[in-house]
Amino acid sequence: MDDPYLNELKGEFNGYSNQLKKLKKKLLKTNSIDEQLNIIEQIDSLANKMENNQKQSVKVTKSRLKERKKKSKR
């Protein structure tokens, strides 16, 4: 399904994924406990954003599918 809003959500998700990869590398390189805690908080925040993104994506997909069904019944 090609939908501009879904494509935007997918792009955001990919951006979050790239940020997570960078944070993971940064976490593995650092020895500072304070910096590790800060990075873990950032990872948690990104994980929450990703989860919300996926929930929104599912809602939009279901809505688009309902719209298609209604159009096909007409």
PDB file of N, CA and C in Angstrom:
ATOM      1  N   MET A   1       0.851  -1.163   0.000  1.00  0.00           N
ATOM      2  CA  MET A   1       0.000   0.000   0.000  1.00  0.00           C
ATOM      3  C   MET A   1       0.903   1.235   0.000  1.00  0.00           C
ATOM      4  N   ASP A   2       0.706   2.060  -1.001  1.00  0.00           N
ATOM      5  CA  ASP A   2       1.517   3.270  -1.101  1.00  0.00           C
ATOM      6  C   ASP A   2       0.709   4.446  -0.572  1.00  0.00           C
ATOM      7  N   ASP A   3       1.069   4.893   0.607  1.00  0.00           N
ATOM      8  CA  ASP A   3       0.353   5.975   1.270  1.00  0.00           C
ATOM      9  C   ASP A   3       1.390   6.959   1.803  1.00  0.00           C
ATOM     10  N   PRO A   4       1.244   8.240   1.490  1.00  0.00           N
ATOM     11  CA  PRO A   4       2.252   9.228   1.928  1.00  0.00           C
ATOM     12  C   PRO A   4       2.475   9.245   3.442  1.00  0.00           C
ATOM     13  N   TYR A   5       1.383   9.153   4.211  1.00  0.00           N
ATOM     14  CA  TYR A   5       1.534   9.195   5.669  1.00  0.00           C
ATOM     15  C   TYR A   5       2.235   7.944   6.185  1.00  0.00           C
ATOM     16  N   LEU A   6       1.873   6.785   5.634  1.00  0.00           N
ATOM     17  CA  LEU A   6       2.545   5.544   6.038  1.00  0.00           C
ATOM     18  C   LEU A   6       4.018   5.586   5.648  1.00  0.00           C
ATOM     19  N   ASN A   7       4.310   6.146   4.481  1.00  0.00           N
ATOM     20  CA  ASN A   7       5.701   6.278   4.058  1.00  0.00           C
ATOM     21  C   ASN A   7       6.479   7.193   5.005  1.00  0.00           C
ATOM     22  N   GLU A   8       5.812   8.242   5.472  1.00  0.00           N
ATOM     23  CA  GLU A   8       6.447   9.156   6.431  1.00  0.00           C
ATOM     24  C   GLU A   8       6.734   8.433   7.749  1.00  0.00           C
ATOM     25  N   LEU A   9       5.762   7.644   8.220  1.00  0.00           N
ATOM     26  CA  LEU A   9       5.966   6.876   9.454  1.00  0.00           C
ATOM     27  C   LEU A   9       7.117   5.880   9.289  1.00  0.00           C
ATOM     28  N   LYS A  10       7.189   5.249   8.127  1.00  0.00           N
ATOM     29  CA  LYS A  10       8.261   4.293   7.868  1.00  0.00           C
ATOM     30  C   LYS A  10       9.621   5.004   7.870  1.00  0.00           C
ATOM     31  N   GLY A  11       9.665   6.193   7.289  1.00  0.00           N
ATOM     32  CA  GLY A  11      10.898   6.972   7.286  1.00  0.00           C
ATOM     33  C   GLY A  11      11.333   7.356   8.690  1.00  0.00           C
ATOM     34  N   GLU A  12      10.368   7.762   9.516  1.00  0.00           N
ATOM     35  CA  GLU A  12      10.680   8.098  10.907  1.00  0.00           C
ATOM     36  C   GLU A  12      11.221   6.877  11.639  1.00  0.00           C
ATOM     37  N   PHE A  13      10.584   5.727  11.424  1.00  0.00           N
ATOM     38  CA  PHE A  13      11.011   4.501  12.080  1.00  0.00           C
ATOM     39  C   PHE A  13      12.440   4.146  11.687  1.00  0.00           C
ATOM     40  N   ASN A  14      12.753   4.275  10.415  1.00  0.00           N
ATOM     41  CA  ASN A  14      14.113   4.000   9.945  1.00  0.00           C
ATOM     42  C   ASN A  14      15.115   4.962  10.568  1.00  0.00           C
ATOM     43  N   GLY A  15      14.702   6.216  10.732  1.00  0.00           N
ATOM     44  CA  GLY A  15      15.562   7.198  11.392  1.00  0.00           C
ATOM     45  C   GLY A  15      15.841   6.816  12.838  1.00  0.00           C
ATOM     46  N   TYR A  16      14.792   6.383  13.531  1.00  0.00           N
ATOM     47  CA  TYR A  16      14.968   5.933  14.912  1.00  0.00           C
ATOM     48  C   TYR A  16      15.908   4.730  14.971  1.00  0.00           C
ATOM     49  N   SER A  17      15.740   3.833  14.028  1.00  0.00           N
ATOM     50  CA  SER A  17      16.578   2.630  13.990  1.00  0.00           C
ATOM     51  C   SER A  17      18.050   3.001  13.797  1.00  0.00           C
ATOM     52  N   ASN A  18      18.305   3.947  12.916  1.00  0.00           N
ATOM     53  CA  ASN A  18      19.689   4.395  12.692  1.00  0.00           C
ATOM     54  C   ASN A  18      20.264   5.051  13.945  1.00  0.00           C
ATOM     55  N   GLN A  19      19.447   5.838  14.629  1.00  0.00           N
ATOM     56  CA  GLN A  19      19.900   6.475  15.864  1.00  0.00           C
ATOM     57  C   GLN A  19      20.234   5.419  16.919  1.00  0.00           C
ATOM     58  N   LEU A  20      19.409   4.373  16.985  1.00  0.00           N
ATOM     59  CA  LEU A  20      19.674   3.296  17.946  1.00  0.00           C
ATOM     60  C   LEU A  20      21.007   2.615  17.669  1.00  0.00           C
ATOM     61  N   LYS A  21      21.303   2.388  16.405  1.00  0.00           N
ATOM     62  CA  LYS A  21      22.578   1.751  16.040  1.00  0.00           C
ATOM     63  C   LYS A  21      23.754   2.611  16.498  1.00  0.00           C
ATOM     64  N   LYS A  22      23.640   3.918  16.301  1.00  0.00           N
ATOM     65  CA  LYS A  22      24.711   4.830  16.708  1.00  0.00           C
ATOM     66  C   LYS A  22      24.872   4.832  18.228  1.00  0.00           C
ATOM     67  N   LEU A  23      23.732   4.860  18.935  1.00  0.00           N
ATOM     68  CA  LEU A  23      23.792   4.856  20.400  1.00  0.00           C
ATOM     69  C   LEU A  23      24.375   3.547  20.925  1.00  0.00           C
ATOM     70  N   LYS A  24      24.053   2.454  20.272  1.00  0.00           N
ATOM     71  CA  LYS A  24      24.589   1.159  20.693  1.00  0.00           C
ATOM     72  C   LYS A  24      26.112   1.157  20.584  1.00  0.00           C
ATOM     73  N   LYS A  25      26.628   1.665  19.458  1.00  0.00           N
ATOM     74  CA  LYS A  25      28.078   1.737  19.284  1.00  0.00           C
ATOM     75  C   LYS A  25      28.707   2.637  20.348  1.00  0.00           C
ATOM     76  N   LYS A  26      28.044   3.765  20.598  1.00  0.00           N
ATOM     77  CA  LYS A  26      28.549   4.715  21.584  1.00  0.00           C
ATOM     78  C   LYS A  26      28.553   4.085  22.980  1.00  0.00           C
ATOM     79  N   LEU A  27      27.489   3.325  23.280  1.00  0.00           N
ATOM     80  CA  LEU A  27      27.374   2.661  24.586  1.00  0.00           C
ATOM     81  C   LEU A  27      28.490   1.642  24.778  1.00  0.00           C
ATOM     82  N   LEU A  28      28.797   0.905  23.731  1.00  0.00           N
ATOM     83  CA  LEU A  28      29.832  -0.114  23.834  1.00  0.00           C
ATOM     84  C   LEU A  28      31.236   0.484  23.968  1.00  0.00           C
ATOM     85  N   LYS A  29      31.425   1.697  23.466  1.00  0.00           N
ATOM     86  CA  LYS A  29      32.748   2.326  23.506  1.00  0.00           C
ATOM     87  C   LYS A  29      33.043   3.027  24.830  1.00  0.00           C
ATOM     88  N   THR A  30      32.004   3.474  25.515  1.00  0.00           N
ATOM     89  CA  THR A  30      32.232   4.288  26.710  1.00  0.00           C
ATOM     90  C   THR A  30      32.438   3.428  27.963  1.00  0.00           C
ATOM     91  N   ASN A  31      33.228   3.967  28.858  1.00  0.00           N
ATOM     92  CA  ASN A  31      33.456   3.305  30.140  1.00  0.00           C
ATOM     93  C   ASN A  31      32.844   4.087  31.299  1.00  0.00           C
ATOM     94  N   SER A  32      32.376   5.292  31.006  1.00  0.00           N
ATOM     95  CA  SER A  32      31.803   6.155  32.033  1.00  0.00           C
ATOM     96  C   SER A  32      30.390   5.698  32.388  1.00  0.00           C
ATOM     97  N   ILE A  33      30.182   5.442  33.667  1.00  0.00           N
ATOM     98  CA  ILE A  33      28.868   5.006  34.143  1.00  0.00           C
ATOM     99  C   ILE A  33      27.811   6.073  33.871  1.00  0.00           C
ATOM    100  N   ASP A  34      28.154   7.324  34.133  1.00  0.00           N
ATOM    101  CA  ASP A  34      27.203   8.417  33.901  1.00  0.00           C
ATOM    102  C   ASP A  34      26.815   8.509  32.428  1.00  0.00           C
ATOM    103  N   GLU A  35      27.784   8.399  31.561  1.00  0.00           N
ATOM    104  CA  GLU A  35      27.505   8.466  30.131  1.00  0.00           C
ATOM    105  C   GLU A  35      26.682   7.251  29.684  1.00  0.00           C
ATOM    106  N   GLN A  36      26.981   6.088  30.257  1.00  0.00           N
ATOM    107  CA  GLN A  36      26.202   4.894  29.930  1.00  0.00           C
ATOM    108  C   GLN A  36      24.742   5.067  30.334  1.00  0.00           C
ATOM    109  N   LEU A  37      24.492   5.617  31.511  1.00  0.00           N
ATOM    110  CA  LEU A  37      23.124   5.862  31.974  1.00  0.00           C
ATOM    111  C   LEU A  37      22.392   6.832  31.050  1.00  0.00           C
ATOM    112  N   ASN A  38      23.110   7.869  30.626  1.00  0.00           N
ATOM    113  CA  ASN A  38      22.535   8.849  29.713  1.00  0.00           C
ATOM    114  C   ASN A  38      22.163   8.190  28.382  1.00  0.00           C
ATOM    115  N   ILE A  39      23.038   7.365  27.866  1.00  0.00           N
ATOM    116  CA  ILE A  39      22.791   6.678  26.598  1.00  0.00           C
ATOM    117  C   ILE A  39      21.616   5.707  26.738  1.00  0.00           C
ATOM    118  N   ILE A  40      21.548   5.014  27.844  1.00  0.00           N
ATOM    119  CA  ILE A  40      20.441   4.073  28.077  1.00  0.00           C
ATOM    120  C   ILE A  40      19.104   4.821  28.132  1.00  0.00           C
ATOM    121  N   GLU A  41      19.091   5.983  28.758  1.00  0.00           N
ATOM    122  CA  GLU A  41      17.873   6.795  28.789  1.00  0.00           C
ATOM    123  C   GLU A  41      17.470   7.206  27.376  1.00  0.00           C
ATOM    124  N   GLN A  42      18.443   7.570  26.555  1.00  0.00           N
ATOM    125  CA  GLN A  42      18.158   7.942  25.169  1.00  0.00           C
ATOM    126  C   GLN A  42      17.608   6.746  24.390  1.00  0.00           C
ATOM    127  N   ILE A  43      18.176   5.574  24.646  1.00  0.00           N
ATOM    128  CA  ILE A  43      17.706   4.353  23.980  1.00  0.00           C
ATOM    129  C   ILE A  43      16.265   4.057  24.397  1.00  0.00           C
ATOM    130  N   ASP A  44      15.955   4.201  25.679  1.00  0.00           N
ATOM    131  CA  ASP A  44      14.586   3.986  26.159  1.00  0.00           C
ATOM    132  C   ASP A  44      13.614   4.957  25.500  1.00  0.00           C
ATOM    133  N   SER A  45      14.024   6.198  25.391  1.00  0.00           N
ATOM    134  CA  SER A  45      13.188   7.207  24.759  1.00  0.00           C
ATOM    135  C   SER A  45      12.922   6.852  23.286  1.00  0.00           C
ATOM    136  N   LEU A  46      13.962   6.452  22.589  1.00  0.00           N
ATOM    137  CA  LEU A  46      13.808   6.053  21.187  1.00  0.00           C
ATOM    138  C   LEU A  46      12.917   4.824  21.057  1.00  0.00           C
ATOM    139  N   ALA A  47      13.069   3.886  21.969  1.00  0.00           N
ATOM    140  CA  ALA A  47      12.240   2.677  21.933  1.00  0.00           C
ATOM    141  C   ALA A  47      10.762   3.037  22.101  1.00  0.00           C
ATOM    142  N   ASN A  48      10.461   3.971  22.985  1.00  0.00           N
ATOM    143  CA  ASN A  48       9.081   4.423  23.169  1.00  0.00           C
ATOM    144  C   ASN A  48       8.558   5.106  21.901  1.00  0.00           C
ATOM    145  N   LYS A  49       9.391   5.932  21.283  1.00  0.00           N
ATOM    146  CA  LYS A  49       8.988   6.590  20.035  1.00  0.00           C
ATOM    147  C   LYS A  49       8.724   5.561  18.940  1.00  0.00           C
ATOM    148  N   MET A  50       9.576   4.547  18.878  1.00  0.00           N
ATOM    149  CA  MET A  50       9.398   3.499  17.863  1.00  0.00           C
ATOM    150  C   MET A  50       8.104   2.735  18.106  1.00  0.00           C
ATOM    151  N   GLU A  51       7.819   2.442  19.364  1.00  0.00           N
ATOM    152  CA  GLU A  51       6.598   1.718  19.705  1.00  0.00           C
ATOM    153  C   GLU A  51       5.360   2.532  19.316  1.00  0.00           C
ATOM    154  N   ASN A  52       5.372   3.821  19.640  1.00  0.00           N
ATOM    155  CA  ASN A  52       4.254   4.692  19.275  1.00  0.00           C
ATOM    156  C   ASN A  52       4.113   4.802  17.762  1.00  0.00           C
ATOM    157  N   ASN A  53       5.240   4.865  17.072  1.00  0.00           N
ATOM    158  CA  ASN A  53       5.238   4.921  15.619  1.00  0.00           C
ATOM    159  C   ASN A  53       4.570   3.677  15.042  1.00  0.00           C
ATOM    160  N   GLN A  54       4.918   2.521  15.578  1.00  0.00           N
ATOM    161  CA  GLN A  54       4.341   1.266  15.086  1.00  0.00           C
ATOM    162  C   GLN A  54       2.840   1.192  15.373  1.00  0.00           C
ATOM    163  N   LYS A  55       2.431   1.637  16.545  1.00  0.00           N
ATOM    164  CA  LYS A  55       1.006   1.647  16.881  1.00  0.00           C
ATOM    165  C   LYS A  55       0.236   2.544  15.916  1.00  0.00           C
ATOM    166  N   GLN A  56       0.786   3.710  15.641  1.00  0.00           N
ATOM    167  CA  GLN A  56       0.148   4.648  14.711  1.00  0.00           C
ATOM    168  C   GLN A  56       0.084   4.047  13.317  1.00  0.00           C
ATOM    169  N   SER A  57       1.137   3.388  12.917  1.00  0.00           N
ATOM    170  CA  SER A  57       1.189   2.753  11.601  1.00  0.00           C
ATOM    171  C   SER A  57       0.106   1.678  11.464  1.00  0.00           C
ATOM    172  N   VAL A  58      -0.081   0.887  12.507  1.00  0.00           N
ATOM    173  CA  VAL A  58      -1.110  -0.152  12.492  1.00  0.00           C
ATOM    174  C   VAL A  58      -2.497   0.486  12.398  1.00  0.00           C
ATOM    175  N   LYS A  59      -2.734   1.543  13.170  1.00  0.00           N
ATOM    176  CA  LYS A  59      -4.033   2.226  13.133  1.00  0.00           C
ATOM    177  C   LYS A  59      -4.327   2.760  11.733  1.00  0.00           C
ATOM    178  N   VAL A  60      -3.338   3.414  11.141  1.00  0.00           N
ATOM    179  CA  VAL A  60      -3.526   4.003   9.818  1.00  0.00           C
ATOM    180  C   VAL A  60      -3.752   2.914   8.779  1.00  0.00           C
ATOM    181  N   THR A  61      -3.008   1.831   8.863  1.00  0.00           N
ATOM    182  CA  THR A  61      -3.170   0.730   7.909  1.00  0.00           C
ATOM    183  C   THR A  61      -4.576   0.147   8.000  1.00  0.00           C
ATOM    184  N   LYS A  62      -5.053  -0.093   9.212  1.00  0.00           N
ATOM    185  CA  LYS A  62      -6.406  -0.623   9.392  1.00  0.00           C
ATOM    186  C   LYS A  62      -7.443   0.340   8.831  1.00  0.00           C
ATOM    187  N   SER A  63      -7.251   1.619   9.082  1.00  0.00           N
ATOM    188  CA  SER A  63      -8.177   2.633   8.592  1.00  0.00           C
ATOM    189  C   SER A  63      -8.200   2.658   7.055  1.00  0.00           C
ATOM    190  N   ARG A  64      -7.010   2.590   6.455  1.00  0.00           N
ATOM    191  CA  ARG A  64      -6.929   2.602   4.982  1.00  0.00           C
ATOM    192  C   ARG A  64      -7.594   1.363   4.388  1.00  0.00           C
ATOM    193  N   LEU A  65      -7.426   0.225   5.049  1.00  0.00           N
ATOM    194  CA  LEU A  65      -8.045  -1.005   4.557  1.00  0.00           C
ATOM    195  C   LEU A  65      -9.573  -0.922   4.650  1.00  0.00           C
ATOM    196  N   LYS A  66     -10.086  -0.321   5.724  1.00  0.00           N
ATOM    197  CA  LYS A  66     -11.529  -0.138   5.853  1.00  0.00           C
ATOM    198  C   LYS A  66     -12.054   0.754   4.732  1.00  0.00           C
ATOM    199  N   GLU A  67     -11.305   1.835   4.443  1.00  0.00           N
ATOM    200  CA  GLU A  67     -11.706   2.744   3.370  1.00  0.00           C
ATOM    201  C   GLU A  67     -11.772   2.005   2.038  1.00  0.00           C
ATOM    202  N   ARG A  68     -10.804   1.155   1.764  1.00  0.00           N
ATOM    203  CA  ARG A  68     -10.796   0.395   0.519  1.00  0.00           C
ATOM    204  C   ARG A  68     -11.979  -0.545   0.428  1.00  0.00           C
ATOM    205  N   LYS A  69     -12.315  -1.200   1.545  1.00  0.00           N
ATOM    206  CA  LYS A  69     -13.460  -2.098   1.559  1.00  0.00           C
ATOM    207  C   LYS A  69     -14.746  -1.361   1.254  1.00  0.00           C
ATOM    208  N   LYS A  70     -14.902  -0.173   1.880  1.00  0.00           N
ATOM    209  CA  LYS A  70     -16.102   0.629   1.648  1.00  0.00           C
ATOM    210  C   LYS A  70     -16.202   1.048   0.192  1.00  0.00           C
ATOM    211  N   LYS A  71     -15.086   1.437  -0.402  1.00  0.00           N
ATOM    212  CA  LYS A  71     -15.086   1.865  -1.809  1.00  0.00           C
ATOM    213  C   LYS A  71     -15.410   0.702  -2.736  1.00  0.00           C
ATOM    214  N   SER A  72     -14.902  -0.476  -2.430  1.00  0.00           N
ATOM    215  CA  SER A  72     -15.125  -1.628  -3.297  1.00  0.00           C
ATOM    216  C   SER A  72     -16.568  -2.125  -3.220  1.00  0.00           C
ATOM    217  N   LYS A  73     -17.263  -1.887  -2.111  1.00  0.00           N
ATOM    218  CA  LYS A  73     -18.650  -2.303  -1.955  1.00  0.00           C
ATOM    219  C   LYS A  73     -19.616  -1.397  -2.711  1.00  0.00           C
ATOM    220  N   ARG A  74     -19.173  -0.212  -3.032  1.00  0.00           N
ATOM    221  CA  ARG A  74     -20.053   0.750  -3.718  1.00  0.00           C
ATOM    222  C   ARG A  74     -20.238   0.401  -5.140  1.00  0.00           C
TER     223      ARG A  74
END
